[in-house]
Structures are given as C-alpha cells and as structure tokens.
C-alpha cells in the first residue's frame, strides 16, 4: 500500500517544491517495500478507537503481533524522533494511515483506477459523525506543531524537506523545526493537503470507511443577496455575457446586468423599463401566469425566443384551442364538474416572440416586439390546478422540451398522466424550426400548434401514444435542467401530493409512475372516473432523489419540490458536480451526490445555508436563527458562468464562496494577501509534503 501511496503522490501537484521531492522519490519507487502492517486488534476495519499502540513482540503480547509489526516498530525507532509526544501524535497516526490494508485499499480502488491516498481535512470527505466539526482547521496540524516544534531536523521526517534533489545538505540540519518555519501558521501552510480523489479524510482521529457508498456532504451553502425583486424565471443572455433576463408571473420581463461575485455590487435592473410586457394576455393567480421562458440556441442570429403562459378564454378572445378533455382520451368535458370555471377555460400556451426590428443585432436588443410571432402550442386544461409549463431547448438536439402537469390539484381523477392519448402529465419534445405550412397541415397531422415532430421521438411510429411525448407519468414537473457537462442527464423535480417529492432522471420513452405511484409509494385515488392503471401493467422508473413530507422538520412542512441544477461553477468548488434542489417553503437546501459518477446512484442530504457576511444587500433572519429568511423559493436558475441563483419572494440570492460564510472548502483558492477571509486552502496545501517525506524517510530505512 505504501508503494501505491508513493506512486500516486505525483498526482497532487506538478509545481514548485512538489517537483523537487517527486523527482527524488520516483527514482527509488521500484526498490520500496510495502509489506508491513500495524497491530491494532481492529482487523483492518479502520482507525482504532483507542490511541494507537505498537506491539513489542516480546512473546507475551497480542496474537496479532508478528514480524511485520516488529519491522514497523523498528522503522519508527530509527526515525529518531526523540520527543515521544511528537512520535505518538505524528508518526504513529500517519504511518498507520498509509499502511492499514483496508483503509488504503478502499481509498485507492476507484472506477478510474489508482488514486492518491487520503490526506487531511477536506469537508467533502466521509469523516465520522462524532468528529468535532469535519471542517478543515488547524487542529491536527497545531497538535503536530506543538509536539514537534523543538525536534531536531536531523533524522526526522522533516529532513527530506530541506534537501535538494541531489540529497546535498543545505546547511539547515542542525536546526529544529521551529528554527525553519518560525510559526505555527507557516508550518501548517506547508504541511497540509487534501486527497485528489476525495475518498477519505485524515486529521489524526479515527476514520470509518465501512460505508463507502455514502458520500459526505458539504456542511452548508453560502448565499449572497443581490436583488430585491421577486421573479419566477431567469435566463442567461445567449450572447454569453454577464446579462440575464428576469421575468415575473404577471408577465413582465427585464434585461439585467449581473455583478461579479464578491464585488459588493447588486443586480442592475430597472423595473421601469421592461424588455417585454405580455401581462394583458395572461391570467395571473396562484399557479397561473408566465411560467416559462427560453431563448433559441441561435438567438444571436435569429432573435427568436419563446414564452410559456396561461390565458383565460373568458377574458382573452385570442385564448382558444383544443381541450385536453376530449373523446380521444375518453373524457367528456360536460362531466368534469369544474369548480367556479368552465371546462378548459384556462389554456397552456407556448408562443414565439422576436427582437428583430428593435435593434441592428439581436444581441444588442434591449426590448422585444410585443406582437406574437406565432402560437406554437395551445392546450385547454380541465381544471385550475398547477400547470407546470417550463420550456427549454435540449443542448444536444436543439428541440424544445415542454413540461405539462396532469391538470389537477389532486388525484389526477381522469388518469391523464398514464393515458397514452393525453398530453397531460407528460414531457413533450417538439421541433420549432420546421413549421407546418398552415392550419390545414396542422389539422391533418393532428398537431396542437405550429411545430413538427422530431423523427427520433419515442412514439413516432406507435399509434397508441401521441407522437409529441418524450416521457410520461408526471404530476406537476416544476423546474427541469440539463447538466452542462453531461447533456444526457436531464433532471426534473416532480411535485408530489401528500407523501413524496421527487427528482427524476428523465429519459426517452420512460414512464415515471404517477398516478400509479407517488415516488416509490403505490397511490390510490379517492375518485377515478377516468379509470385506473394497474401497477403490473407498467414498468416505472423511480426517482433518484427526493424526500418524504414527514421528513421535513419544521412547522410548515413541505409545499412543493423545486428542481435545480448540477452545480458547475468553481465559486464553491466543494459543491462542484453536486445537484442542488429545494422546496417552495425554503426551510432547507438539498444537495445530491452521484456515486460513482455515471451510475445514477444518488445520495442526498439537507444542508444549512448562511448569508455572506459581506453580502451586498442584507439578508433577513428570524430571531435566533442564522439561516437567512428566503420566504418562498420559486425557482433555481443558472447564469453564463454556471453560478446558481435562488429566485425567492424576498429577493435574488446567489451561491457565493464558502469562506464568505465561514464555511471551509479546501479547494477554495483564497490568497494570503487579499482582504477576503482566509480559507483553509493555503493551510491544507502542504500536508501532502509531510506524507511524502515520511515515506521517503522510511524508504531510506528499508
């Protein structure tokens, strides 16, 4: 295992002093022995709970003591560290860490092959829950400093640090540790590091790797407040700039400039100057309004963008279309029993708009033409329930994805989500670049508007299902996203009813269960005039993440899941690659981690949030509660830098650097000479040296 350790320390860094020591060590790798173990009476199950003891092997000690352990003790003795406390706190624990069979094996073996061994204090690592905080702190390095500061450099593990690659004596070797590093901070900034594969963390305390499938999650998420407005949608400007479009449910859209993270500036948005206002065309109330906004992949050339909204047929004569309740789906509108509205009085609409004519170039436009270019899609919904309504373009195919709910608040009584002829409770995929020639062609093709069907849709040749359908079995999908780095990962939050809120990995032609299942639970509707679907007749794809309503420990409970994003910004590098999502009631933030990558095996956990101490706008708090009061979270959003935003009833919040909230992330790069809070990064970038030097010293002994 020590051979593996030495072989892979080279992956830690390729700059500065690292190269000096790697050159020395790599030249001797093949001569190194890796056969010893430590006597712990723990059967290789991890670090012992009691302080580490070395067998004396005098014939009267534990049965586990053997020649290998005697050899280990000989190595420890020959290191000639005269201070017994230093030997105990530093050498025994570290040498144990790199020699324990099971510990090392679990750290090295990954899907991609051999990795570096675990080192010190990375908050993303699976340390034991009883450990003091899990944060990267000076604790262990301080212990080493305090017990080893007066140790002579000669024959100590630190000797190799003060030799060049030829082994020449540099003249320091009559000095002590304190003579060279002067202070604890200087010492700890040199001798601390983090493992590259982040499989385990070592801080001198017991570590358990018994459950290697359960990842450790960051302690919390840092937020900064940059705006006061309440918005439902945000879309980054397609030109790649630091601008973004913000929209509210009432139907107004603004173009805003986003400040640099940590600049202490706020969102530049003038609400007196709208980019577009369609408030006269929509109905706005709970669950209705401007629901979705997306820009054509070639917007910078063609100026096209699309909006999804609700309209009221009784108030807007342009609000008309086919009713989702019809004979094709065995539904009689006259028997719907609408409460206070006519059947299909409300419609879900997708309409196309343009900025052409308002500027010489689409990317320069600061306003759009308020006249609708064309009605892409219209469907009358049976009731006044939530209507999903998000739209977005697939990054790999350029087609428009449209999310439709089952059309009801409860029970989906007509079983629309499982009805193969209904578009409700489905995710649709349509082509908005190839438009039918007119109403006649639309009718002949059985379409719901001005679009065509992609040839590779799953049910193009299946007469039992509508050709627009991409996936079925949803209740009310609220916020979906494609992973920026892996476009095949299409994740959606789907609201539950009374039991479970779920996150699904949406794939072509899959059935996600509703209303046969709510999450993983079998569901029984109180009324079902539209009939039922048996569990044995479907092959459901169950959620990869989510939460039971009873798991939410607050006075309000759970309202509705808010799907999120894979975090792909380096603002918080310890969140990188994790999936962020939350609930409308905003009492918590969920983080999902896939392990191993590509497996679709996710673990998720609730984490805390804090407001940056230097937030450009002050956050609100409940008395005695450090969590910022976000109000309702309407949506999560992403900008061109892949930073994540929370769009809430109390304002716009952005995920900020962990150090701004006194969270520690060893990957966060914060310099010593700036005004930002000092992070653990500089402290943690040198402990790998120490591990390497110890191994080098052992090599010379062997």
Foldseek 3Di string as FASTA:
>chain_A
DVLLQLVALVVQDDDDCVVFLNLQSVVCSVVDDQPAAADDVPLLQWDDQDQGDQDPPPVPDDPVDDPRSVVVVVLLVQLPFPQVQLSRLPVVLLVNQSRRDVQQVQQQDDPVGGFHHFFAQFLFEQFDPPPDPSHQDCVLLVSNCVRFQFTQCPSHLCVVVQAGSVRDHPPCRRGGNCVPQVDSLSSLLAAFAGTPVRQHHDRSHIGGCPPSVDTRAFFAFAKFFAWQDFFQDKAAQLVLAQWIWTHHQLFFIAIWGCDDFPPLHHIGTDPVQTQEGPNLFADDDVQFGFQEKEAQNVCQAFQKIKTKGKGFVVRDVVQDFEELADVLLPGDQVPLPEDPHGFLRMKIWMFMWGQPPQDPTSSPHRHTDHDTPFTAAMYRAGYDAHFQFYWYAQPVPRWIKTAGALRDLDDSQLQQLPQQAGCHQFIFTWAQVQFDPDPVVCVVVVHRTTTHAPPPQPCPPPPRHDRRGFETAAHHWADWDAAPVHSQFIKTWGWFRQWKTAIARGGGYAHAHPPCDGQPHGHDGPHHPNDDDHPVVHDHDHGQDIDTQVVDPDDVTADTKAFFYQQCAVQAVSSHRWGWIDGQQPPWIKIWDDPPPPPSRIDMDTHAYAYFPSRSDDFDDDPPDRGGRQGTFSHWDAYSNSWIWTRGNRRIMTGGHCQSRPRAGLPDDDDPPDPGRDHCVSSNNNSSVSSSSSSVSSRVVD
